[in-house]
Amino acid sequence: NLWNPSYFVATVSENTEEQIRNYIQNQQVK
């Protein structure tokens, strides 16, 4: 099952971390 809890959490965490990095970089540019 692709959508098991551990896989889902790992995917969300990875995406969130990337979004946070992009957000910080955008704030530094401004």
C-alpha atoms as a PDB file:
ATOM      1  CA  ASN A   1       0.000   0.000   0.000  1.00  0.00           C
ATOM      2  CA  LEU A   2       1.690   3.184  -1.209  1.00  0.00           C
ATOM      3  CA  TRP A   3      -0.247   5.422   1.175  1.00  0.00           C
ATOM      4  CA  ASN A   4       0.827   3.806   4.434  1.00  0.00           C
ATOM      5  CA  PRO A   5       1.245   6.260   7.349  1.00  0.00           C
ATOM      6  CA  SER A   6       5.053   6.155   7.439  1.00  0.00           C
ATOM      7  CA  TYR A   7       5.345   6.826   3.692  1.00  0.00           C
ATOM      8  CA  PHE A   8       2.791   9.628   3.879  1.00  0.00           C
ATOM      9  CA  VAL A   9       4.484  11.320   6.834  1.00  0.00           C
ATOM     10  CA  ALA A  10       7.922  11.008   5.248  1.00  0.00           C
ATOM     11  CA  THR A  11       6.666  12.548   2.004  1.00  0.00           C
ATOM     12  CA  VAL A  12       4.877  15.422   3.730  1.00  0.00           C
ATOM     13  CA  SER A  13       7.883  16.146   5.943  1.00  0.00           C
ATOM     14  CA  GLU A  14      10.220  16.228   2.958  1.00  0.00           C
ATOM     15  CA  ASN A  15       7.929  18.548   0.982  1.00  0.00           C
ATOM     16  CA  THR A  16       7.410  20.818   3.977  1.00  0.00           C
ATOM     17  CA  GLU A  17      11.147  21.127   4.585  1.00  0.00           C
ATOM     18  CA  GLU A  18      11.690  22.131   0.966  1.00  0.00           C
ATOM     19  CA  GLN A  19       8.887  24.698   1.132  1.00  0.00           C
ATOM     20  CA  ILE A  20      10.356  26.177   4.309  1.00  0.00           C
ATOM     21  CA  ARG A  21      13.773  26.511   2.650  1.00  0.00           C
ATOM     22  CA  ASN A  22      12.218  28.239  -0.360  1.00  0.00           C
ATOM     23  CA  TYR A  23      10.259  30.553   1.945  1.00  0.00           C
ATOM     24  CA  ILE A  24      13.390  31.526   3.883  1.00  0.00           C
ATOM     25  CA  GLN A  25      15.331  32.168   0.683  1.00  0.00           C
ATOM     26  CA  ASN A  26      12.520  34.345  -0.661  1.00  0.00           C
ATOM     27  CA  GLN A  27      12.479  36.353   2.568  1.00  0.00           C
ATOM     28  CA  GLN A  28      16.237  36.899   2.357  1.00  0.00           C
ATOM     29  CA  VAL A  29      15.920  38.151  -1.218  1.00  0.00           C
ATOM     30  CA  LYS A  30      13.374  40.760  -0.158  1.00  0.00           C
END
